[in-house]
Amino acid sequence: MATFSPSLPGNVNTGSWLRDKLFLGMTPKAYLRSLITPWHMVAAAILAIGLPVFFQRFAYGIGAVSNLTDTNPWGIWIGIDVLCGVALAAGGFIIASIVHLFGMKEYAPLVRPAILTGFLGYAFVVVGLMFDLGRPWRLPYPMTFAFGTSSVMFEVGWCVALYLGCQFVEMFPPIFEWLGYKRLRAWAMTLVLGTTVLAVVLSTLHQSSLGALFLIAPSKLHPLWYSMYLPVYFLISAVAGGIGMIIFESTLSHRTFKTQTGHLSHAQLDHLALGLAKGGAIVLYLYFWLKVVGLAHEHQWSLLLSGWGLWWLVEVIGFILAPAFLFLFAVRGLSPLLARVAAVWTVLGLILNRLNVSVVALNWNQTERYIPHWKEITITITIITIGVLVFQWMVNRMPILLQHPDYAGESH
């Protein structure tokens, strides 16, 4: 796999600049040959199937590629592309807060990849919304022409847009380091603390507001998942999912981009994983008891004896309490492997929760049930694949994992 080169040539011609910055020092022909890998072949196959479906969606409308109806207007594009995408991208503001606000500089190597993951996550949430909206060109209308200040969607739209802007600003330092713009990089570094604080505020608002969206549908969402605490559930589960995603992403990057992570030994990465596992255990344990409190507050104990109750218990005990204890065992036993298993388990639990709220338990009492069309699944997989390819492209060129030698010793 091609790797990021820290060299920054001075006065070079356009061809040399393109070769160094875009083709990683190789000729275009050699660079194209380097792309022939098993992963790229799989990605090419996905794109070959997915891109024509993209065209079909925008040429012929939502009905041509989905099973969405007036009864079931929300499907996996909202459940996975939006709700899961936003929640799993929470790792960016979590790790930035840990390093820049709480001064835990030992976690600095995890900041830039987490912020890049968060930035791409939110960017592709917007892409996913373009497919879900009947008139995608009207996406900015709630923020420009229709100021529905009493609407939850108004707040979510503004917060997501502003947060995406914050993460773009947080990406300035590695971009300017890549391009060799030292003065702009120095200016961008002065913005880090302010954008981190703003990102935390915005994340707190829109993560919880996504849960508040479902408060307007008490008759549509099953009582076991409907609760006045939904905004709190969405926020705290996003924090847990963000922690799990940081551990998972850092582990995967450390193995995939080996030539760029030599400065961070396996022992150091294991230590950081165990440190994050402590936070994961606390957050998940708190989340579990909040779910129990919500159940008690709504007086829904009798529903646990139903089939829906069994599925609720699978989510709460199997994917909240179980990974919480696994995180705890990992910390007590100093087992990074258990911490990583618990991290993946937590991520899967968050995905299960978002799908339960937005798809499975929504319209639970309707005879017309929603089953996603294969083209909906194809579009979602294709969007995720493009996101991974963009992540790979940026990591191979910019100092995301490998610290630029001109700024060695600085925190990210």
Protein backbone atom coordinates (compact mmCIF):
# COMPACT_ATOMS: atom_id res chain seq x y z
CA MET A 1 0.00 0.00 0.00
CA ALA A 2 1.23 3.47 -0.83
CA THR A 3 2.23 5.59 2.13
CA PHE A 4 2.36 9.25 3.06
CA SER A 5 5.69 10.88 2.34
CA PRO A 6 6.66 13.63 4.80
CA SER A 7 9.00 15.33 2.31
CA LEU A 8 7.89 18.81 1.26
CA PRO A 9 9.74 19.93 -1.87
CA GLY A 10 10.30 23.61 -2.36
CA ASN A 11 10.02 25.14 -5.83
CA VAL A 12 8.86 22.36 -8.12
CA ASN A 13 7.01 22.34 -11.41
CA THR A 14 3.38 21.32 -11.70
CA GLY A 15 4.17 17.79 -12.86
CA SER A 16 6.52 17.21 -9.94
CA TRP A 17 3.94 18.63 -7.49
CA LEU A 18 1.23 16.36 -8.81
CA ARG A 19 3.54 13.36 -8.66
CA ASP A 20 4.59 14.07 -5.08
CA LYS A 21 1.25 15.18 -3.64
CA LEU A 22 -1.26 13.09 -5.56
CA PHE A 23 0.64 10.10 -6.94
CA LEU A 24 2.87 9.60 -3.86
CA GLY A 25 6.09 10.09 -5.80
CA MET A 26 5.19 7.53 -8.48
CA THR A 27 4.38 7.93 -12.13
CA PRO A 28 0.66 7.77 -12.93
CA LYS A 29 1.13 4.34 -14.48
CA ALA A 30 3.01 2.98 -11.44
CA TYR A 31 0.44 4.54 -9.13
CA LEU A 32 -2.43 2.86 -10.96
CA ARG A 33 -0.62 -0.46 -10.72
CA SER A 34 -0.26 0.04 -6.95
CA LEU A 35 -4.05 0.25 -6.69
CA ILE A 36 -4.51 -3.32 -7.87
CA THR A 37 -5.15 -4.93 -4.49
CA PRO A 38 -7.87 -7.32 -3.24
CA TRP A 39 -9.55 -4.51 -1.30
CA HIS A 40 -9.63 -2.19 -4.31
CA MET A 41 -11.03 -4.97 -6.49
CA VAL A 42 -13.87 -5.49 -4.02
CA ALA A 43 -14.45 -1.73 -3.81
CA ALA A 44 -14.49 -1.48 -7.62
CA ALA A 45 -17.12 -4.23 -7.80
CA ILE A 46 -19.28 -2.42 -5.22
CA LEU A 47 -18.98 0.86 -7.11
CA ALA A 48 -19.76 -0.87 -10.42
CA ILE A 49 -23.08 -2.03 -8.94
CA GLY A 50 -23.81 0.98 -6.74
CA LEU A 51 -23.12 3.94 -9.03
CA PRO A 52 -25.75 2.94 -11.62
CA VAL A 53 -28.24 2.65 -8.74
CA PHE A 54 -27.21 6.17 -7.68
CA PHE A 55 -28.10 7.38 -11.16
CA GLN A 56 -31.38 5.48 -11.14
CA ARG A 57 -32.36 7.06 -7.81
CA PHE A 58 -31.91 10.63 -9.04
CA ALA A 59 -33.20 9.98 -12.57
CA TYR A 60 -36.37 8.09 -11.64
CA GLY A 61 -37.04 9.02 -8.01
CA ILE A 62 -37.09 7.24 -4.64
CA GLY A 63 -39.81 4.81 -5.69
CA ALA A 64 -37.55 3.24 -8.30
CA VAL A 65 -34.97 2.09 -5.76
CA SER A 66 -36.73 1.78 -2.39
CA ASN A 67 -39.67 0.22 -0.57
CA LEU A 68 -40.49 3.44 1.27
CA THR A 69 -44.17 4.39 1.45
CA ASP A 70 -46.38 7.00 3.11
CA THR A 71 -46.83 4.55 5.99
CA ASN A 72 -43.10 3.86 6.22
CA PRO A 73 -41.34 7.01 4.95
CA TRP A 74 -38.13 6.32 6.89
CA GLY A 75 -35.92 3.32 6.21
CA ILE A 76 -32.30 2.26 6.45
CA TRP A 77 -31.10 5.48 4.81
CA ILE A 78 -32.22 7.27 7.96
CA GLY A 79 -31.52 4.41 10.38
CA ILE A 80 -28.00 3.61 9.16
CA ASP A 81 -26.76 6.46 6.98
CA VAL A 82 -27.97 9.24 9.28
CA LEU A 83 -28.63 8.01 12.83
CA CYS A 84 -25.77 5.50 12.96
CA GLY A 85 -23.45 7.72 10.95
CA VAL A 86 -23.89 10.69 13.29
CA ALA A 87 -23.56 8.58 16.45
CA LEU A 88 -20.47 6.63 15.35
CA ALA A 89 -18.80 9.87 14.24
CA ALA A 90 -18.98 11.10 17.85
CA GLY A 91 -15.46 9.81 18.45
CA GLY A 92 -14.10 13.02 16.94
CA PHE A 93 -15.43 15.38 19.60
CA ILE A 94 -14.81 12.82 22.37
CA ILE A 95 -11.09 12.34 21.72
CA ALA A 96 -10.59 16.05 20.92
CA SER A 97 -12.15 16.89 24.29
CA ILE A 98 -9.95 14.37 26.08
CA VAL A 99 -6.77 15.85 24.59
CA HIS A 100 -7.47 19.57 24.10
CA LEU A 101 -9.87 20.28 26.97
CA PHE A 102 -8.79 17.78 29.63
CA GLY A 103 -5.09 17.85 28.76
CA MET A 104 -4.61 14.07 28.42
CA LYS A 105 -1.87 14.46 25.79
CA GLU A 106 -1.01 10.76 25.72
CA TYR A 107 -4.12 10.26 23.56
CA ALA A 108 -2.93 12.81 20.98
CA PRO A 109 -1.97 10.15 18.37
CA LEU A 110 -5.66 9.17 18.18
CA VAL A 111 -6.99 12.69 17.59
CA ARG A 112 -6.47 13.23 13.88
CA PRO A 113 -7.72 9.84 12.66
CA ALA A 114 -10.78 10.17 14.91
CA ILE A 115 -11.49 13.69 13.65
CA LEU A 116 -11.06 12.55 10.04
CA THR A 117 -13.45 9.65 10.70
CA GLY A 118 -15.93 12.06 12.26
CA PHE A 119 -15.61 14.58 9.44
CA LEU A 120 -16.16 11.95 6.76
CA GLY A 121 -18.96 10.41 8.80
CA TYR A 122 -20.88 13.67 8.92
CA ALA A 123 -20.09 14.49 5.29
CA PHE A 124 -21.55 11.18 4.16
CA VAL A 125 -24.54 11.64 6.46
CA VAL A 126 -25.34 14.65 4.27
CA VAL A 127 -24.82 12.46 1.19
CA GLY A 128 -27.19 9.87 2.63
CA LEU A 129 -29.80 12.56 3.23
CA MET A 130 -29.59 13.55 -0.42
CA PHE A 131 -30.82 10.08 -1.34
CA ASP A 132 -33.57 10.04 1.28
CA LEU A 133 -35.09 13.44 0.51
CA GLY A 134 -37.69 13.58 -2.24
CA ARG A 135 -36.30 16.96 -3.31
CA PRO A 136 -32.62 16.83 -2.29
CA TRP A 137 -31.89 20.29 -3.68
CA ARG A 138 -34.05 21.68 -0.90
CA LEU A 139 -31.76 20.33 1.83
CA PRO A 140 -30.65 23.84 2.96
CA TYR A 141 -34.20 25.26 2.96
CA PRO A 142 -34.82 24.82 6.73
CA MET A 143 -31.73 26.93 7.40
CA THR A 144 -32.26 29.57 4.73
CA PHE A 145 -35.90 30.07 3.73
CA ALA A 146 -38.06 28.27 6.31
CA PHE A 147 -36.92 29.33 9.78
CA GLY A 148 -39.00 26.89 11.80
CA THR A 149 -37.36 27.75 15.11
CA SER A 150 -39.81 25.56 17.02
CA SER A 151 -38.87 22.52 14.95
CA VAL A 152 -36.38 19.92 16.17
CA MET A 153 -35.24 19.46 12.56
CA PHE A 154 -34.34 23.16 12.39
CA GLU A 155 -31.98 22.72 15.35
CA VAL A 156 -30.58 19.42 14.04
CA GLY A 157 -29.95 20.90 10.61
CA TRP A 158 -28.10 23.94 11.92
CA CYS A 159 -26.09 21.95 14.48
CA VAL A 160 -25.02 19.29 11.99
CA ALA A 161 -24.02 21.92 9.43
CA LEU A 162 -22.06 23.94 11.99
CA TYR A 163 -20.45 20.84 13.46
CA LEU A 164 -19.38 19.68 10.01
CA GLY A 165 -17.81 23.13 9.57
CA CYS A 166 -16.00 22.74 12.91
CA GLN A 167 -14.55 19.41 11.88
CA PHE A 168 -13.47 20.86 8.54
CA VAL A 169 -11.60 23.59 10.44
CA GLU A 170 -10.04 20.92 12.68
CA MET A 171 -8.78 19.25 9.50
CA PHE A 172 -6.91 22.41 8.46
CA PRO A 173 -3.59 21.58 10.23
CA PRO A 174 -2.93 18.25 8.46
CA ILE A 175 -4.12 19.70 5.14
CA PHE A 176 -1.77 22.69 5.40
CA GLU A 177 1.09 20.46 6.58
CA TRP A 178 0.52 18.29 3.50
CA LEU A 179 0.58 21.31 1.20
CA GLY A 180 3.53 22.90 3.00
CA TYR A 181 1.75 26.10 4.05
CA LYS A 182 3.46 26.76 7.38
CA ARG A 183 1.88 30.13 8.12
CA LEU A 184 -1.61 28.88 7.42
CA ARG A 185 -0.88 25.84 9.54
CA ALA A 186 0.21 28.05 12.45
CA TRP A 187 -2.98 30.08 12.08
CA ALA A 188 -5.10 26.92 11.98
CA MET A 189 -3.53 25.63 15.19
CA THR A 190 -4.79 28.74 17.02
CA LEU A 191 -8.34 27.70 16.17
CA VAL A 192 -8.11 24.20 17.64
CA LEU A 193 -9.24 24.98 21.19
CA GLY A 194 -12.14 27.18 20.13
CA THR A 195 -13.45 24.74 17.53
CA THR A 196 -13.15 21.89 20.05
CA VAL A 197 -15.33 23.73 22.57
CA LEU A 198 -17.87 24.64 19.90
CA ALA A 199 -17.87 21.06 18.58
CA VAL A 200 -18.66 19.70 22.05
CA VAL A 201 -21.57 22.11 22.47
CA LEU A 202 -22.98 21.37 19.02
CA SER A 203 -22.58 17.60 19.47
CA THR A 204 -24.42 17.68 22.78
CA LEU A 205 -27.28 19.50 21.10
CA HIS A 206 -27.79 17.53 17.91
CA GLN A 207 -26.99 14.05 19.26
CA SER A 208 -29.79 14.47 21.80
CA SER A 209 -32.08 16.23 19.33
CA LEU A 210 -32.00 13.25 16.99
CA GLY A 211 -33.60 11.30 19.83
CA ALA A 212 -36.06 14.14 20.41
CA LEU A 213 -37.31 13.67 16.83
CA PHE A 214 -39.07 10.50 17.92
CA LEU A 215 -40.82 12.18 20.84
CA ILE A 216 -43.39 13.51 18.38
CA ALA A 217 -44.43 9.96 17.44
CA PRO A 218 -45.65 8.29 20.68
CA SER A 219 -48.29 6.29 18.82
CA LYS A 220 -45.85 5.02 16.18
CA LEU A 221 -42.84 3.95 18.26
CA HIS A 222 -43.24 0.85 20.43
CA PRO A 223 -43.68 1.78 24.14
CA LEU A 224 -40.51 -0.13 25.14
CA TRP A 225 -38.42 2.18 22.95
CA TYR A 226 -40.48 5.33 23.37
CA SER A 227 -39.46 7.34 26.41
CA MET A 228 -39.24 10.95 27.51
CA TYR A 229 -35.54 10.19 28.04
CA LEU A 230 -34.90 9.48 24.34
CA PRO A 231 -32.72 12.61 23.91
CA VAL A 232 -30.56 11.50 26.86
CA TYR A 233 -30.40 7.94 25.52
CA PHE A 234 -29.23 9.14 22.13
CA LEU A 235 -26.55 11.38 23.62
CA ILE A 236 -25.06 8.89 26.07
CA SER A 237 -25.22 5.99 23.60
CA ALA A 238 -23.40 8.17 21.06
CA VAL A 239 -20.63 8.75 23.61
CA ALA A 240 -20.37 4.99 24.20
CA GLY A 241 -20.42 4.27 20.47
CA GLY A 242 -17.83 6.98 19.87
CA ILE A 243 -15.47 5.40 22.40
CA GLY A 244 -15.96 2.00 20.79
CA MET A 245 -15.36 3.47 17.35
CA ILE A 246 -12.10 5.14 18.47
CA ILE A 247 -10.75 1.82 19.75
CA PHE A 248 -11.91 -0.05 16.64
CA GLU A 249 -10.67 2.56 14.14
CA SER A 250 -7.26 3.00 15.82
CA THR A 251 -6.74 -0.76 15.93
CA LEU A 252 -7.72 -1.19 12.28
CA SER A 253 -5.56 1.75 11.16
CA HIS A 254 -2.57 0.45 13.13
CA ARG A 255 -2.76 -2.82 11.23
CA THR A 256 -3.68 -1.44 7.81
CA PHE A 257 -1.26 1.49 7.64
CA LYS A 258 1.72 -0.17 9.31
CA THR A 259 4.34 2.06 7.68
CA GLN A 260 2.70 5.14 9.19
CA THR A 261 2.13 3.90 12.72
CA GLY A 262 5.63 2.76 13.62
CA HIS A 263 5.97 5.68 16.04
CA LEU A 264 3.11 4.21 18.11
CA SER A 265 4.08 0.78 19.41
CA HIS A 266 1.59 -2.01 20.01
CA ALA A 267 2.20 -1.62 23.76
CA GLN A 268 1.31 2.08 23.63
CA LEU A 269 -1.81 1.42 21.57
CA ASP A 270 -2.85 -1.31 24.01
CA HIS A 271 -2.41 1.13 26.89
CA LEU A 272 -4.60 3.72 25.17
CA ALA A 273 -7.25 1.09 24.38
CA LEU A 274 -7.42 0.06 28.04
CA GLY A 275 -7.67 3.70 29.10
CA LEU A 276 -10.62 4.24 26.77
CA ALA A 277 -12.14 0.96 27.98
CA LYS A 278 -12.49 2.48 31.45
CA GLY A 279 -14.61 5.26 30.03
CA GLY A 280 -16.57 2.79 27.91
CA ALA A 281 -17.46 0.68 30.95
CA ILE A 282 -18.66 3.69 32.94
CA VAL A 283 -20.73 5.16 30.11
CA LEU A 284 -22.38 1.85 29.18
CA TYR A 285 -23.17 1.02 32.81
CA LEU A 286 -24.78 4.45 33.25
CA TYR A 287 -26.68 3.97 29.99
CA PHE A 288 -28.01 0.61 31.17
CA TRP A 289 -29.44 2.01 34.38
CA LEU A 290 -30.94 4.98 32.59
CA LYS A 291 -32.77 2.53 30.35
CA VAL A 292 -34.09 0.73 33.44
CA VAL A 293 -35.17 4.05 35.00
CA GLY A 294 -36.96 4.95 31.77
CA LEU A 295 -38.78 1.63 31.75
CA ALA A 296 -39.86 2.15 35.34
CA HIS A 297 -40.95 5.72 34.70
CA GLU A 298 -43.16 4.65 31.79
CA HIS A 299 -44.57 1.69 33.82
CA GLN A 300 -43.92 -0.78 31.00
CA TRP A 301 -42.70 -3.78 33.02
CA SER A 302 -45.53 -6.00 31.79
CA LEU A 303 -44.38 -5.59 28.18
CA LEU A 304 -41.18 -7.49 28.99
CA LEU A 305 -43.23 -10.70 28.87
CA SER A 306 -44.06 -10.18 25.20
CA GLY A 307 -42.00 -10.95 22.12
CA TRP A 308 -41.12 -7.27 21.85
CA GLY A 309 -39.99 -7.41 25.48
CA LEU A 310 -37.60 -10.25 24.69
CA TRP A 311 -36.10 -8.25 21.83
CA TRP A 312 -35.74 -5.21 24.13
CA LEU A 313 -33.90 -7.37 26.66
CA VAL A 314 -31.58 -8.65 23.90
CA GLU A 315 -30.62 -5.07 23.11
CA VAL A 316 -30.31 -3.80 26.70
CA ILE A 317 -28.68 -6.82 28.34
CA GLY A 318 -26.90 -8.29 25.34
CA PHE A 319 -25.56 -5.09 23.80
CA ILE A 320 -25.34 -2.60 26.68
CA LEU A 321 -24.76 -4.45 29.94
CA ALA A 322 -22.68 -7.28 28.43
CA PRO A 323 -20.08 -5.04 26.70
CA ALA A 324 -20.00 -2.86 29.84
CA PHE A 325 -18.86 -5.85 31.88
CA LEU A 326 -16.52 -6.94 29.09
CA PHE A 327 -14.86 -3.51 29.19
CA LEU A 328 -14.57 -3.90 32.96
CA PHE A 329 -13.00 -7.37 32.68
CA ALA A 330 -10.59 -6.02 30.05
CA VAL A 331 -9.41 -3.27 32.40
CA ARG A 332 -9.14 -5.53 35.43
CA GLY A 333 -7.37 -8.26 33.49
CA LEU A 334 -5.23 -5.81 31.44
CA SER A 335 -6.50 -7.44 28.26
CA PRO A 336 -6.44 -5.16 25.19
CA LEU A 337 -8.04 -7.94 23.15
CA LEU A 338 -11.12 -7.98 25.39
CA ALA A 339 -11.27 -4.19 25.19
CA ARG A 340 -11.31 -4.37 21.39
CA VAL A 341 -13.96 -7.08 21.38
CA ALA A 342 -16.07 -4.95 23.73
CA ALA A 343 -15.53 -1.94 21.45
CA VAL A 344 -16.87 -3.78 18.40
CA TRP A 345 -19.72 -5.15 20.53
CA THR A 346 -20.58 -1.61 21.62
CA VAL A 347 -20.60 -0.34 18.05
CA LEU A 348 -22.91 -3.18 17.01
CA GLY A 349 -25.15 -2.40 19.98
CA LEU A 350 -25.45 1.23 18.95
CA ILE A 351 -26.35 0.21 15.38
CA LEU A 352 -28.96 -2.20 16.76
CA ASN A 353 -30.48 0.52 18.93
CA ARG A 354 -30.72 3.05 16.12
CA LEU A 355 -32.30 0.50 13.78
CA ASN A 356 -34.72 -0.60 16.49
CA VAL A 357 -35.86 2.98 17.09
CA SER A 358 -36.00 4.10 13.46
CA VAL A 359 -37.05 0.91 11.63
CA VAL A 360 -37.89 -2.18 13.67
CA ALA A 361 -40.03 -0.70 16.47
CA LEU A 362 -41.36 2.19 14.39
CA ASN A 363 -44.90 1.58 13.06
CA TRP A 364 -44.84 -1.67 15.04
CA ASN A 365 -48.66 -1.79 15.11
CA GLN A 366 -49.12 -1.31 11.36
CA THR A 367 -50.00 -4.22 9.08
CA GLU A 368 -47.78 -2.80 6.36
CA ARG A 369 -44.22 -3.58 7.41
CA TYR A 370 -41.10 -2.10 5.86
CA ILE A 371 -38.48 -4.38 4.33
CA PRO A 372 -35.62 -2.55 2.59
CA HIS A 373 -35.22 -2.97 -1.15
CA TRP A 374 -31.92 -4.49 -2.26
CA LYS A 375 -31.13 -1.20 -3.99
CA GLU A 376 -31.48 0.67 -0.69
CA ILE A 377 -28.92 -1.70 0.81
CA THR A 378 -26.70 -1.28 -2.24
CA ILE A 379 -26.76 2.51 -1.95
CA THR A 380 -25.87 2.36 1.75
CA ILE A 381 -22.99 -0.07 1.18
CA THR A 382 -21.71 2.05 -1.71
CA ILE A 383 -21.77 5.25 0.38
CA ILE A 384 -19.82 3.51 3.17
CA THR A 385 -17.32 2.12 0.63
CA ILE A 386 -16.72 5.58 -0.84
CA GLY A 387 -16.17 6.91 2.68
CA VAL A 388 -13.54 4.25 3.40
CA LEU A 389 -11.80 4.98 0.08
CA VAL A 390 -11.68 8.71 0.85
CA PHE A 391 -10.29 7.96 4.32
CA GLN A 392 -7.59 5.78 2.76
CA TRP A 393 -6.76 8.42 0.14
CA MET A 394 -6.34 11.16 2.74
CA VAL A 395 -4.37 9.04 5.22
CA ASN A 396 -1.94 7.98 2.47
CA ARG A 397 -1.16 11.62 1.67
CA MET A 398 -1.64 13.72 4.78
CA PRO A 399 -0.04 13.50 8.22
CA ILE A 400 -3.07 11.90 9.87
CA LEU A 401 -1.40 8.88 11.48
CA LEU A 402 2.25 9.78 10.89
CA GLN A 403 3.26 13.06 12.51
CA HIS A 404 4.96 15.51 10.16
CA PRO A 405 8.69 15.76 11.02
CA ASP A 406 8.61 19.58 11.01
CA TYR A 407 6.18 19.49 13.94
CA ALA A 408 7.50 16.53 15.90
CA GLY A 409 6.73 16.76 19.59
CA GLU A 410 3.66 18.96 19.19
CA SER A 411 0.22 17.75 20.24
CA HIS A 412 -2.17 17.11 17.37
